[in-house]
C-alpha atoms as a PDB file:
ATOM      1  CA  UNK A   1     158.998  28.106  41.778  1.00  0.00           C
ATOM      2  CA  UNK A   2     157.682  25.800  44.183  1.00  0.00           C
ATOM      3  CA  UNK A   3     159.422  25.264  47.695  1.00  0.00           C
ATOM      4  CA  UNK A   4     160.027  21.700  46.806  1.00  0.00           C
ATOM      5  CA  UNK A   5     162.123  22.726  43.698  1.00  0.00           C
ATOM      6  CA  UNK A   6     164.010  25.460  45.832  1.00  0.00           C
ATOM      7  CA  UNK A   7     164.857  22.818  48.378  1.00  0.00           C
ATOM      8  CA  UNK A   8     165.905  20.317  45.773  1.00  0.00           C
ATOM      9  CA  UNK A   9     168.088  22.898  44.158  1.00  0.00           C
ATOM     10  CA  UNK A  10     169.706  23.563  47.395  1.00  0.00           C
ATOM     11  CA  UNK A  11     170.261  20.023  48.281  1.00  0.00           C
ATOM     12  CA  UNK A  12     171.601  19.505  44.933  1.00  0.00           C
ATOM     13  CA  UNK A  13     174.060  22.135  44.984  1.00  0.00           C
ATOM     14  CA  UNK A  14     175.376  21.452  48.424  1.00  0.00           C
ATOM     15  CA  UNK A  15     175.764  17.722  47.292  1.00  0.00           C
ATOM     16  CA  UNK A  16     177.646  18.518  43.887  1.00  0.00           C
ATOM     17  CA  UNK A  17     179.753  21.048  45.772  1.00  0.00           C
ATOM     18  CA  UNK A  18     180.924  18.540  48.296  1.00  0.00           C
ATOM     19  CA  UNK A  19     181.174  15.955  45.558  1.00  0.00           C
ATOM     20  CA  UNK A  20     183.340  18.261  43.494  1.00  0.00           C
ATOM     21  CA  UNK A  21     185.576  19.147  46.616  1.00  0.00           C
ATOM     22  CA  UNK A  22     186.254  15.596  47.202  1.00  0.00           C
ATOM     23  CA  UNK A  23     187.067  14.557  43.532  1.00  0.00           C
ATOM     24  CA  UNK A  24     189.182  17.844  43.484  1.00  0.00           C
ATOM     25  CA  UNK A  25     191.100  16.347  46.350  1.00  0.00           C
ATOM     26  CA  UNK A  26     191.647  13.069  45.392  1.00  0.00           C
ATOM     27  CA  UNK A  27     192.710  14.200  42.015  1.00  0.00           C
ATOM     28  CA  UNK A  28     195.321  16.609  43.508  1.00  0.00           C
ATOM     29  CA  UNK A  29     196.492  14.130  45.850  1.00  0.00           C
ATOM     30  CA  UNK A  30     196.936  11.342  43.661  1.00  0.00           C
ATOM     31  CA  UNK A  31     198.674  13.399  41.035  1.00  0.00           C
ATOM     32  CA  UNK A  32     201.440  14.593  43.176  1.00  0.00           C
ATOM     33  CA  UNK A  33     201.668  11.308  44.837  1.00  0.00           C
ATOM     34  CA  UNK A  34     202.930   9.328  41.496  1.00  0.00           C
ATOM     35  CA  UNK A  35     206.518   8.254  42.559  1.00  0.00           C
ATOM     36  CA  UNK A  36     208.605   7.908  39.483  1.00  0.00           C
ATOM     37  CA  UNK A  37     210.938   5.328  40.831  1.00  0.00           C
ATOM     38  CA  UNK A  38     211.513   1.581  40.014  1.00  0.00           C
ATOM     39  CA  UNK A  39     212.238  -0.870  42.427  1.00  0.00           C
ATOM     40  CA  UNK A  40     214.583  -3.750  41.654  1.00  0.00           C
ATOM     41  CA  UNK A  41     216.128  -5.577  44.498  1.00  0.00           C
ATOM     42  CA  UNK A  42     215.158  -5.281  48.377  1.00  0.00           C
ATOM     43  CA  UNK A  43     216.595  -2.108  49.617  1.00  0.00           C
ATOM     44  CA  UNK A  44     217.989  -0.858  46.150  1.00  0.00           C
ATOM     45  CA  UNK A  45     216.164   1.783  44.293  1.00  0.00           C
ATOM     46  CA  UNK A  46     217.093   3.192  40.919  1.00  0.00           C
ATOM     47  CA  UNK A  47     215.450   6.405  39.252  1.00  0.00           C
ATOM     48  CA  UNK A  48     213.570   6.190  36.179  1.00  0.00           C
ATOM     49  CA  UNK A  49     214.772   8.016  33.247  1.00  0.00           C
ATOM     50  CA  UNK A  50     213.427  11.626  33.183  1.00  0.00           C
ATOM     51  CA  UNK A  51     211.478  11.314  30.000  1.00  0.00           C
ATOM     52  CA  UNK A  52     209.729   8.097  31.274  1.00  0.00           C
ATOM     53  CA  UNK A  53     208.860   9.705  34.662  1.00  0.00           C
ATOM     54  CA  UNK A  54     206.766  12.429  32.607  1.00  0.00           C
ATOM     55  CA  UNK A  55     205.110  10.111  30.404  1.00  0.00           C
ATOM     56  CA  UNK A  56     204.066   8.031  33.465  1.00  0.00           C
ATOM     57  CA  UNK A  57     202.793  10.921  35.256  1.00  0.00           C
ATOM     58  CA  UNK A  58     200.904  12.287  32.089  1.00  0.00           C
ATOM     59  CA  UNK A  59     199.478   9.050  31.558  1.00  0.00           C
ATOM     60  CA  UNK A  60     198.412   8.810  35.207  1.00  0.00           C
ATOM     61  CA  UNK A  61     196.799  12.351  35.340  1.00  0.00           C
ATOM     62  CA  UNK A  62     194.921  11.782  32.129  1.00  0.00           C
ATOM     63  CA  UNK A  63     193.156   8.553  33.666  1.00  0.00           C
ATOM     64  CA  UNK A  64     192.585  10.226  36.783  1.00  0.00           C
ATOM     65  CA  UNK A  65     190.877  13.183  34.866  1.00  0.00           C
ATOM     66  CA  UNK A  66     188.785  10.782  32.751  1.00  0.00           C
ATOM     67  CA  UNK A  67     187.777   8.935  35.822  1.00  0.00           C
ATOM     68  CA  UNK A  68     187.140  12.151  37.825  1.00  0.00           C
ATOM     69  CA  UNK A  69     184.937  13.499  34.953  1.00  0.00           C
ATOM     70  CA  UNK A  70     182.805  10.402  34.677  1.00  0.00           C
ATOM     71  CA  UNK A  71     182.379  10.039  38.477  1.00  0.00           C
ATOM     72  CA  UNK A  72     181.581  13.884  38.530  1.00  0.00           C
ATOM     73  CA  UNK A  73     178.692  13.391  35.909  1.00  0.00           C
ATOM     74  CA  UNK A  74     177.383  10.697  37.721  1.00  0.00           C
ATOM     75  CA  UNK A  75     177.199  12.485  41.137  1.00  0.00           C
ATOM     76  CA  UNK A  76     175.714  15.420  39.533  1.00  0.00           C
ATOM     77  CA  UNK A  77     172.803  13.021  38.306  1.00  0.00           C
ATOM     78  CA  UNK A  78     172.578  11.310  41.677  1.00  0.00           C
ATOM     79  CA  UNK A  79     172.876  14.779  43.565  1.00  0.00           C
ATOM     80  CA  UNK A  80     169.785  16.027  41.547  1.00  0.00           C
ATOM     81  CA  UNK A  81     167.800  12.921  42.279  1.00  0.00           C
ATOM     82  CA  UNK A  82     168.978  12.894  45.843  1.00  0.00           C
ATOM     83  CA  UNK A  83     167.856  16.478  46.459  1.00  0.00           C
ATOM     84  CA  UNK A  84     164.299  16.153  44.765  1.00  0.00           C
ATOM     85  CA  UNK A  85     163.859  12.945  46.958  1.00  0.00           C
ATOM     86  CA  UNK A  86     164.833  14.801  50.123  1.00  0.00           C
ATOM     87  CA  UNK A  87     163.061  17.666  49.407  1.00  0.00           C
ATOM     88  CA  UNK A  88     159.912  15.485  48.824  1.00  0.00           C
ATOM     89  CA  UNK A  89     160.341  13.710  51.932  1.00  0.00           C
ATOM     90  CA  UNK A  90     160.962  16.960  54.363  1.00  0.00           C
ATOM     91  CA  UNK A  91     157.808  18.323  52.701  1.00  0.00           C
ATOM     92  CA  UNK A  92     155.626  15.323  52.972  1.00  0.00           C
ATOM     93  CA  UNK A  93     154.200  16.279  56.243  1.00  0.00           C
ATOM     94  CA  UNK A  94     153.325  19.800  54.914  1.00  0.00           C
ATOM     95  CA  UNK A  95     151.352  18.076  51.868  1.00  0.00           C
ATOM     96  CA  UNK A  96     149.350  16.379  54.665  1.00  0.00           C
ATOM     97  CA  UNK A  97     148.649  19.359  56.118  1.00  0.00           C
ATOM     98  CA  UNK A  98     147.376  20.947  53.007  1.00  0.00           C
ATOM     99  CA  UNK A  99     145.336  18.124  52.154  1.00  0.00           C
ATOM    100  CA  UNK A 100     143.622  17.996  55.468  1.00  0.00           C
ATOM    101  CA  UNK A 101     143.011  22.008  55.226  1.00  0.00           C
ATOM    102  CA  UNK A 102     141.433  21.520  51.868  1.00  0.00           C
ATOM    103  CA  UNK A 103     139.155  18.732  53.215  1.00  0.00           C
ATOM    104  CA  UNK A 104     137.810  21.061  55.942  1.00  0.00           C
ATOM    105  CA  UNK A 105     134.448  22.875  55.996  1.00  0.00           C
ATOM    106  CA  UNK A 106     132.022  24.367  58.374  1.00  0.00           C
ATOM    107  CA  UNK A 107     130.075  20.996  58.363  1.00  0.00           C
ATOM    108  CA  UNK A 108     133.139  18.999  58.192  1.00  0.00           C
ATOM    109  CA  UNK A 109     135.653  19.955  60.970  1.00  0.00           C
ATOM    110  CA  UNK A 110     136.404  16.176  62.277  1.00  0.00           C
ATOM    111  CA  UNK A 111     139.723  15.857  60.181  1.00  0.00           C
ATOM    112  CA  UNK A 112     142.818  15.928  61.881  1.00  0.00           C
ATOM    113  CA  UNK A 113     146.473  15.427  60.709  1.00  0.00           C
ATOM    114  CA  UNK A 114     147.395  13.221  63.348  1.00  0.00           C
ATOM    115  CA  UNK A 115     151.252  13.337  62.138  1.00  0.00           C
ATOM    116  CA  UNK A 116     153.294  10.272  63.515  1.00  0.00           C
ATOM    117  CA  UNK A 117     157.253  10.519  63.809  1.00  0.00           C
ATOM    118  CA  UNK A 118     160.006  12.366  65.863  1.00  0.00           C
ATOM    119  CA  UNK A 119     159.126  15.476  67.703  1.00  0.00           C
ATOM    120  CA  UNK A 120     160.511  17.913  65.379  1.00  0.00           C
ATOM    121  CA  UNK A 121     159.384  21.258  63.905  1.00  0.00           C
ATOM    122  CA  UNK A 122     157.130  19.697  61.282  1.00  0.00           C
ATOM    123  CA  UNK A 123     155.564  17.585  64.072  1.00  0.00           C
ATOM    124  CA  UNK A 124     154.941  20.436  66.432  1.00  0.00           C
ATOM    125  CA  UNK A 125     153.243  22.438  63.523  1.00  0.00           C
ATOM    126  CA  UNK A 126     151.031  19.477  62.710  1.00  0.00           C
ATOM    127  CA  UNK A 127     150.049  19.099  66.328  1.00  0.00           C
ATOM    128  CA  UNK A 128     149.259  23.027  66.635  1.00  0.00           C
ATOM    129  CA  UNK A 129     147.221  22.764  63.392  1.00  0.00           C
ATOM    130  CA  UNK A 130     145.263  19.871  64.911  1.00  0.00           C
ATOM    131  CA  UNK A 131     144.920  21.936  68.515  1.00  0.00           C
ATOM    132  CA  UNK A 132     143.485  24.774  66.199  1.00  0.00           C
ATOM    133  CA  UNK A 133     141.009  22.369  64.734  1.00  0.00           C
ATOM    134  CA  UNK A 134     139.769  21.070  68.094  1.00  0.00           C
ATOM    135  CA  UNK A 135     139.220  24.905  69.348  1.00  0.00           C
ATOM    136  CA  UNK A 136     137.625  25.788  65.926  1.00  0.00           C
ATOM    137  CA  UNK A 137     135.336  22.822  65.974  1.00  0.00           C
ATOM    138  CA  UNK A 138     134.246  23.619  69.772  1.00  0.00           C
ATOM    139  CA  UNK A 139     133.620  27.132  68.713  1.00  0.00           C
ATOM    140  CA  UNK A 140     131.320  26.136  65.679  1.00  0.00           C
ATOM    141  CA  UNK A 141     129.372  23.941  67.671  1.00  0.00           C
ATOM    142  CA  UNK A 142     128.847  26.172  70.402  1.00  0.00           C
ATOM    143  CA  UNK A 143     128.029  28.954  68.122  1.00  0.00           C
ATOM    144  CA  UNK A 144     125.518  26.492  66.226  1.00  0.00           C
ATOM    145  CA  UNK A 145     123.898  25.161  69.624  1.00  0.00           C
ATOM    146  CA  UNK A 146     123.661  29.182  70.311  1.00  0.00           C
ATOM    147  CA  UNK A 147     122.126  30.294  67.637  1.00  0.00           C
ATOM    148  CA  UNK A 148     119.417  27.401  68.071  1.00  0.00           C
ATOM    149  CA  UNK A 149     118.855  28.229  71.549  1.00  0.00           C
ATOM    150  CA  UNK A 150     118.640  31.931  71.109  1.00  0.00           C
ATOM    151  CA  UNK A 151     115.990  31.196  68.286  1.00  0.00           C
ATOM    152  CA  UNK A 152     114.318  29.200  70.792  1.00  0.00           C
ATOM    153  CA  UNK A 153     114.199  31.503  73.367  1.00  0.00           C
ATOM    154  CA  UNK A 154     113.187  34.590  71.434  1.00  0.00           C
ATOM    155  CA  UNK A 155     110.478  32.348  69.733  1.00  0.00           C
ATOM    156  CA  UNK A 156     108.806  31.795  73.043  1.00  0.00           C
ATOM    157  CA  UNK A 157     108.086  35.390  73.984  1.00  0.00           C
ATOM    158  CA  UNK A 158     107.111  36.352  70.658  1.00  0.00           C
ATOM    159  CA  UNK A 159     104.589  33.781  70.409  1.00  0.00           C
ATOM    160  CA  UNK A 160     103.102  34.666  74.023  1.00  0.00           C
ATOM    161  CA  UNK A 161     102.915  38.304  72.859  1.00  0.00           C
ATOM    162  CA  UNK A 162     101.040  37.382  69.425  1.00  0.00           C
ATOM    163  CA  UNK A 163      98.842  35.304  71.164  1.00  0.00           C
ATOM    164  CA  UNK A 164      97.830  37.835  73.747  1.00  0.00           C
ATOM    165  CA  UNK A 165      97.454  40.487  71.201  1.00  0.00           C
ATOM    166  CA  UNK A 166      95.073  38.178  69.057  1.00  0.00           C
ATOM    167  CA  UNK A 167      92.925  36.934  71.850  1.00  0.00           C
ATOM    168  CA  UNK A 168      92.869  40.396  72.988  1.00  0.00           C
ATOM    169  CA  UNK A 169      91.602  42.096  70.204  1.00  0.00           C
ATOM    170  CA  UNK A 170      89.423  39.242  69.584  1.00  0.00           C
ATOM    171  CA  UNK A 171      87.117  40.168  72.431  1.00  0.00           C
ATOM    172  CA  UNK A 172      88.332  43.658  73.272  1.00  0.00           C
ATOM    173  CA  UNK A 173      86.843  44.209  76.696  1.00  0.00           C
ATOM    174  CA  UNK A 174      88.365  46.438  79.467  1.00  0.00           C
ATOM    175  CA  UNK A 175      89.100  43.528  82.010  1.00  0.00           C
ATOM    176  CA  UNK A 176      91.016  41.198  79.102  1.00  0.00           C
ATOM    177  CA  UNK A 177      92.783  44.232  77.792  1.00  0.00           C
ATOM    178  CA  UNK A 178      94.042  44.895  81.133  1.00  0.00           C
ATOM    179  CA  UNK A 179      95.043  41.340  81.822  1.00  0.00           C
ATOM    180  CA  UNK A 180      96.458  40.837  78.375  1.00  0.00           C
ATOM    181  CA  UNK A 181      98.352  44.208  78.748  1.00  0.00           C
ATOM    182  CA  UNK A 182     100.087  42.768  81.938  1.00  0.00           C
ATOM    183  CA  UNK A 183     101.124  39.431  79.914  1.00  0.00           C
ATOM    184  CA  UNK A 184     102.489  41.692  76.839  1.00  0.00           C
ATOM    185  CA  UNK A 185     104.577  43.716  79.277  1.00  0.00           C
ATOM    186  CA  UNK A 186     105.996  40.623  81.018  1.00  0.00           C
ATOM    187  CA  UNK A 187     107.064  38.912  77.580  1.00  0.00           C
ATOM    188  CA  UNK A 188     108.258  42.219  76.451  1.00  0.00           C
ATOM    189  CA  UNK A 189     110.517  42.531  79.621  1.00  0.00           C
ATOM    190  CA  UNK A 190     111.676  38.684  79.109  1.00  0.00           C
ATOM    191  CA  UNK A 191     112.573  39.686  75.390  1.00  0.00           C
ATOM    192  CA  UNK A 192     114.666  42.937  76.536  1.00  0.00           C
ATOM    193  CA  UNK A 193     116.499  40.961  78.926  1.00  0.00           C
ATOM    194  CA  UNK A 194     117.235  38.308  76.501  1.00  0.00           C
ATOM    195  CA  UNK A 195     118.555  40.865  73.904  1.00  0.00           C
ATOM    196  CA  UNK A 196     120.794  42.800  76.557  1.00  0.00           C
ATOM    197  CA  UNK A 197     122.127  39.527  77.469  1.00  0.00           C
ATOM    198  CA  UNK A 198     122.929  38.699  73.791  1.00  0.00           C
ATOM    199  CA  UNK A 199     124.619  42.121  73.464  1.00  0.00           C
ATOM    200  CA  UNK A 200     126.589  41.485  76.790  1.00  0.00           C
ATOM    201  CA  UNK A 201     127.615  38.356  75.561  1.00  0.00           C
ATOM    202  CA  UNK A 202     128.862  39.347  72.402  1.00  0.00           C
ATOM    203  CA  UNK A 203     130.742  42.384  73.878  1.00  0.00           C
ATOM    204  CA  UNK A 204     132.532  40.096  76.373  1.00  0.00           C
ATOM    205  CA  UNK A 205     133.193  37.463  73.589  1.00  0.00           C
ATOM    206  CA  UNK A 206     134.815  40.005  71.524  1.00  0.00           C
ATOM    207  CA  UNK A 207     137.531  40.671  74.120  1.00  0.00           C
ATOM    208  CA  UNK A 208     139.309  43.372  75.882  1.00  0.00           C
ATOM    209  CA  UNK A 209     140.015  46.441  73.729  1.00  0.00           C
ATOM    210  CA  UNK A 210     141.683  48.419  76.852  1.00  0.00           C
ATOM    211  CA  UNK A 211     142.444  47.553  80.251  1.00  0.00           C
ATOM    212  CA  UNK A 212     143.405  49.481  83.389  1.00  0.00           C
ATOM    213  CA  UNK A 213     144.086  49.068  86.988  1.00  0.00           C
ATOM    214  CA  UNK A 214     140.500  48.906  88.752  1.00  0.00           C
ATOM    215  CA  UNK A 215     139.869  48.656  92.517  1.00  0.00           C
ATOM    216  CA  UNK A 216     138.115  45.309  92.340  1.00  0.00           C
ATOM    217  CA  UNK A 217     136.508  45.715  95.994  1.00  0.00           C
ATOM    218  CA  UNK A 218     134.984  49.042  95.194  1.00  0.00           C
ATOM    219  CA  UNK A 219     133.339  47.309  92.084  1.00  0.00           C
ATOM    220  CA  UNK A 220     132.074  44.607  94.254  1.00  0.00           C
ATOM    221  CA  UNK A 221     130.904  47.015  97.139  1.00  0.00           C
ATOM    222  CA  UNK A 222     128.726  49.231  94.430  1.00  0.00           C
ATOM    223  CA  UNK A 223     127.205  45.934  92.926  1.00  0.00           C
ATOM    224  CA  UNK A 224     126.187  44.487  96.227  1.00  0.00           C
ATOM    225  CA  UNK A 225     124.639  47.901  97.723  1.00  0.00           C
ATOM    226  CA  UNK A 226     122.062  47.094  95.236  1.00  0.00           C
ATOM    227  CA  UNK A 227     121.052  43.770  97.035  1.00  0.00           C
ATOM    228  CA  UNK A 228     120.232  44.579 100.821  1.00  0.00           C
ATOM    229  CA  UNK A 229     120.006  40.905 101.915  1.00  0.00           C
ATOM    230  CA  UNK A 230     123.756  40.114 100.399  1.00  0.00           C
ATOM    231  CA  UNK A 231     126.428  40.025 102.932  1.00  0.00           C
ATOM    232  CA  UNK A 232     129.736  41.109 101.957  1.00  0.00           C
ATOM    233  CA  UNK A 233     133.712  40.921 103.223  1.00  0.00           C
ATOM    234  CA  UNK A 234     136.287  42.378 101.227  1.00  0.00           C
ATOM    235  CA  UNK A 235     139.814  43.632 101.471  1.00  0.00           C
ATOM    236  CA  UNK A 236     141.333  46.226  99.195  1.00  0.00           C
ATOM    237  CA  UNK A 237     142.685  44.632  96.095  1.00  0.00           C
ATOM    238  CA  UNK A 238     143.313  45.928  92.490  1.00  0.00           C
ATOM    239  CA  UNK A 239     143.079  43.872  89.269  1.00  0.00           C
ATOM    240  CA  UNK A 240     143.880  44.662  85.467  1.00  0.00           C
ATOM    241  CA  UNK A 241     140.914  44.728  83.245  1.00  0.00           C
ATOM    242  CA  UNK A 242     137.805  46.460  81.890  1.00  0.00           C
ATOM    243  CA  UNK A 243     135.956  48.170  84.897  1.00  0.00           C
ATOM    244  CA  UNK A 244     132.634  47.787  82.974  1.00  0.00           C
ATOM    245  CA  UNK A 245     132.734  44.101  82.032  1.00  0.00           C
ATOM    246  CA  UNK A 246     134.062  43.363  85.496  1.00  0.00           C
ATOM    247  CA  UNK A 247     131.082  45.217  86.921  1.00  0.00           C
ATOM    248  CA  UNK A 248     128.719  43.117  84.725  1.00  0.00           C
ATOM    249  CA  UNK A 249     130.753  40.092  85.960  1.00  0.00           C
ATOM    250  CA  UNK A 250     129.822  40.737  89.664  1.00  0.00           C
ATOM    251  CA  UNK A 251     126.468  41.885  88.841  1.00  0.00           C
ATOM    252  CA  UNK A 252     125.714  38.489  87.042  1.00  0.00           C
ATOM    253  CA  UNK A 253     127.117  36.321  89.944  1.00  0.00           C
ATOM    254  CA  UNK A 254     125.237  38.004  92.608  1.00  0.00           C
ATOM    255  CA  UNK A 255     122.076  38.460  90.855  1.00  0.00           C
ATOM    256  CA  UNK A 256     122.227  34.638  90.035  1.00  0.00           C
ATOM    257  CA  UNK A 257     122.937  33.941  93.593  1.00  0.00           C
ATOM    258  CA  UNK A 258     119.913  35.988  94.780  1.00  0.00           C
ATOM    259  CA  UNK A 259     117.584  34.825  92.357  1.00  0.00           C
ATOM    260  CA  UNK A 260     117.957  31.361  92.583  1.00  0.00           C
ATOM    261  CA  UNK A 261     118.102  31.106  96.388  1.00  0.00           C
ATOM    262  CA  UNK A 262     115.759  29.588  98.632  1.00  0.00           C
ATOM    263  CA  UNK A 263     113.248  31.648 100.902  1.00  0.00           C
ATOM    264  CA  UNK A 264     115.159  32.964 103.801  1.00  0.00           C
ATOM    265  CA  UNK A 265     118.455  31.827 102.416  1.00  0.00           C
ATOM    266  CA  UNK A 266     121.480  33.656 102.434  1.00  0.00           C
ATOM    267  CA  UNK A 267     124.021  35.077  99.770  1.00  0.00           C
ATOM    268  CA  UNK A 268     127.561  35.858 100.860  1.00  0.00           C
ATOM    269  CA  UNK A 269     130.004  37.538  99.140  1.00  0.00           C
ATOM    270  CA  UNK A 270     133.905  37.798  99.786  1.00  0.00           C
ATOM    271  CA  UNK A 271     136.682  39.541  97.885  1.00  0.00           C
ATOM    272  CA  UNK A 272     140.138  38.320  98.621  1.00  0.00           C
ATOM    273  CA  UNK A 273     143.391  40.341  98.594  1.00  0.00           C
ATOM    274  CA  UNK A 274     144.702  38.252  95.626  1.00  0.00           C
ATOM    275  CA  UNK A 275     142.115  39.503  93.110  1.00  0.00           C
ATOM    276  CA  UNK A 276     139.407  36.731  93.767  1.00  0.00           C
ATOM    277  CA  UNK A 277     135.895  36.931  94.422  1.00  0.00           C
ATOM    278  CA  UNK A 278     133.676  34.199  96.071  1.00  0.00           C
ATOM    279  CA  UNK A 279     130.037  34.171  95.812  1.00  0.00           C
ATOM    280  CA  UNK A 280     127.793  31.554  97.889  1.00  0.00           C
ATOM    281  CA  UNK A 281     124.193  31.105  98.231  1.00  0.00           C
ATOM    282  CA  UNK A 282     121.942  28.532 100.065  1.00  0.00           C
ATOM    283  CA  UNK A 283     119.829  27.760  96.888  1.00  0.00           C
ATOM    284  CA  UNK A 284     118.257  24.366  95.754  1.00  0.00           C
ATOM    285  CA  UNK A 285     120.917  21.230  95.424  1.00  0.00           C
ATOM    286  CA  UNK A 286     122.777  21.582  92.333  1.00  0.00           C
ATOM    287  CA  UNK A 287     124.064  17.956  90.916  1.00  0.00           C
ATOM    288  CA  UNK A 288     127.833  18.080  90.745  1.00  0.00           C
ATOM    289  CA  UNK A 289     127.717  16.497  87.313  1.00  0.00           C
ATOM    290  CA  UNK A 290     125.311  19.364  85.938  1.00  0.00           C
ATOM    291  CA  UNK A 291     127.725  22.284  87.127  1.00  0.00           C
ATOM    292  CA  UNK A 292     129.537  22.443  83.800  1.00  0.00           C
ATOM    293  CA  UNK A 293     126.143  22.952  81.852  1.00  0.00           C
ATOM    294  CA  UNK A 294     125.255  26.137  84.058  1.00  0.00           C
ATOM    295  CA  UNK A 295     127.808  28.075  82.289  1.00  0.00           C
ATOM    296  CA  UNK A 296     126.772  27.525  78.901  1.00  0.00           C
ATOM    297  CA  UNK A 297     124.015  29.695  77.224  1.00  0.00           C
ATOM    298  CA  UNK A 298     120.168  29.036  78.165  1.00  0.00           C
ATOM    299  CA  UNK A 299     120.950  26.033  80.497  1.00  0.00           C
ATOM    300  CA  UNK A 300     118.803  26.019  83.461  1.00  0.00           C
ATOM    301  CA  UNK A 301     118.274  23.414  86.135  1.00  0.00           C
ATOM    302  CA  UNK A 302     114.622  23.485  86.242  1.00  0.00           C
ATOM    303  CA  UNK A 303     112.077  23.564  83.546  1.00  0.00           C
ATOM    304  CA  UNK A 304     109.863  26.299  85.253  1.00  0.00           C
ATOM    305  CA  UNK A 305     112.752  28.987  84.879  1.00  0.00           C
ATOM    306  CA  UNK A 306     112.551  28.908  81.118  1.00  0.00           C
ATOM    307  CA  UNK A 307     109.384  31.050  81.193  1.00  0.00           C
ATOM    308  CA  UNK A 308     110.826  33.477  83.892  1.00  0.00           C
ATOM    309  CA  UNK A 309     110.563  37.045  82.682  1.00  0.00           C
ATOM    310  CA  UNK A 310     113.514  37.856  85.223  1.00  0.00           C
ATOM    311  CA  UNK A 311     116.006  35.205  83.688  1.00  0.00           C
ATOM    312  CA  UNK A 312     117.393  35.343  80.455  1.00  0.00           C
ATOM    313  CA  UNK A 313     119.388  32.190  80.875  1.00  0.00           C
ATOM    314  CA  UNK A 314     122.597  34.008  79.972  1.00  0.00           C
ATOM    315  CA  UNK A 315     124.108  35.133  83.304  1.00  0.00           C
ATOM    316  CA  UNK A 316     126.612  32.656  83.921  1.00  0.00           C
ATOM    317  CA  UNK A 317     127.594  32.084  80.313  1.00  0.00           C
ATOM    318  CA  UNK A 318     128.349  35.943  80.102  1.00  0.00           C
ATOM    319  CA  UNK A 319     130.189  35.471  83.429  1.00  0.00           C
ATOM    320  CA  UNK A 320     132.518  32.509  81.827  1.00  0.00           C
ATOM    321  CA  UNK A 321     132.960  34.877  78.719  1.00  0.00           C
ATOM    322  CA  UNK A 322     134.190  37.705  80.656  1.00  0.00           C
ATOM    323  CA  UNK A 323     136.439  35.561  82.773  1.00  0.00           C
ATOM    324  CA  UNK A 324     137.921  34.362  79.630  1.00  0.00           C
ATOM    325  CA  UNK A 325     138.700  37.699  78.404  1.00  0.00           C
ATOM    326  CA  UNK A 326     140.392  38.612  81.610  1.00  0.00           C
ATOM    327  CA  UNK A 327     142.251  35.271  81.657  1.00  0.00           C
ATOM    328  CA  UNK A 328     140.426  34.329  84.698  1.00  0.00           C
ATOM    329  CA  UNK A 329     139.800  30.977  86.022  1.00  0.00           C
ATOM    330  CA  UNK A 330     136.205  30.384  87.402  1.00  0.00           C
ATOM    331  CA  UNK A 331     135.118  27.223  89.027  1.00  0.00           C
ATOM    332  CA  UNK A 332     131.933  26.239  91.085  1.00  0.00           C
ATOM    333  CA  UNK A 333     131.118  23.579  93.475  1.00  0.00           C
ATOM    334  CA  UNK A 334     127.971  22.507  95.102  1.00  0.00           C
ATOM    335  CA  UNK A 335     127.442  23.387  98.949  1.00  0.00           C
ATOM    336  CA  UNK A 336     126.648  20.943 101.560  1.00  0.00           C
ATOM    337  CA  UNK A 337     122.614  20.916 101.916  1.00  0.00           C
ATOM    338  CA  UNK A 338     122.104  23.222  98.686  1.00  0.00           C
ATOM    339  CA  UNK A 339     123.255  26.186  96.836  1.00  0.00           C
ATOM    340  CA  UNK A 340     126.379  26.939  95.014  1.00  0.00           C
ATOM    341  CA  UNK A 341     129.766  28.656  95.411  1.00  0.00           C
ATOM    342  CA  UNK A 342     131.298  30.377  92.570  1.00  0.00           C
ATOM    343  CA  UNK A 343     135.068  31.244  92.780  1.00  0.00           C
ATOM    344  CA  UNK A 344     136.880  33.687  90.475  1.00  0.00           C
ATOM    345  CA  UNK A 345     140.485  34.273  90.236  1.00  0.00           C
ATOM    346  CA  UNK A 346     141.993  37.464  88.557  1.00  0.00           C
ATOM    347  CA  UNK A 347     145.087  38.546  87.400  1.00  0.00           C
ATOM    348  CA  UNK A 348     146.564  41.248  90.083  1.00  0.00           C
ATOM    349  CA  UNK A 349     147.817  44.632  89.054  1.00  0.00           C
ATOM    350  CA  UNK A 350     151.773  44.203  89.069  1.00  0.00           C
ATOM    351  CA  UNK A 351     153.276  46.664  91.433  1.00  0.00           C
END
């Protein structure tokens, strides 16, 4: 039995019950309101004989019963039709949602319900469905772009390795073998960093399985200890999250700031009491309109970084993914004169 049939039956029963109650009330009222009196002159009343009173009353009751029966049959038919119509009108938005869902596919996610009408539960459902489709479309688009970029990034070191092997084997002298061995090791390191970056990105996208109180200032201090040129200011702060992922987030931010700095530049790291992390460097100038691109996979500001063995192009995208898993906010702004300042805000562990 469909939902429309059940709703139509419910509406019909309610309408029929209401109609019957009204008819019964009218019938009872009219029956007992029959007055067996005959008026003659103004101000005088003569009672009708008892026999005539009974006949009048019986005739009236019979007429009312027939009228009630006819009206009842009509009301039943009208109630059934009205119940079916009301159920269809009520479920019309659901039909639009169903039709839109049937038209969707991986290559066709641009359909939307765009339901018009009052702000009721069905309108809220349709708007929620549209918002879900927006997120799904963005996710599929990002995934497709990521796969294409990952394929391209993996193809480059593999092509270098293949060319080095073919050229090295064509004339295997000691000097050529040594030179191509260095090229192969460099390409292999880049491939390894890329694969590790992909694994880290996949893990961060998976979300948090378990969370615990983490001394965030100690995590940052441990990471900064591996970068002697980085200056750090911190205050004790505890956050809720995954210690391993938070360590990776800090590592990526600091490593990115050090690697993309100018010679003789500085990198400053600051941990705030409210669970915040601020990383700033004096690197090259970054156009403000291109800052959102830095958090996308395999996006680099300069072409020469594409072939760098020390860069996978996933550092800040991993940061953004870990941030989402921890319900963090991550913002970046260009510094006057060059460089970038990245600010992270974490959820503080409740007392």
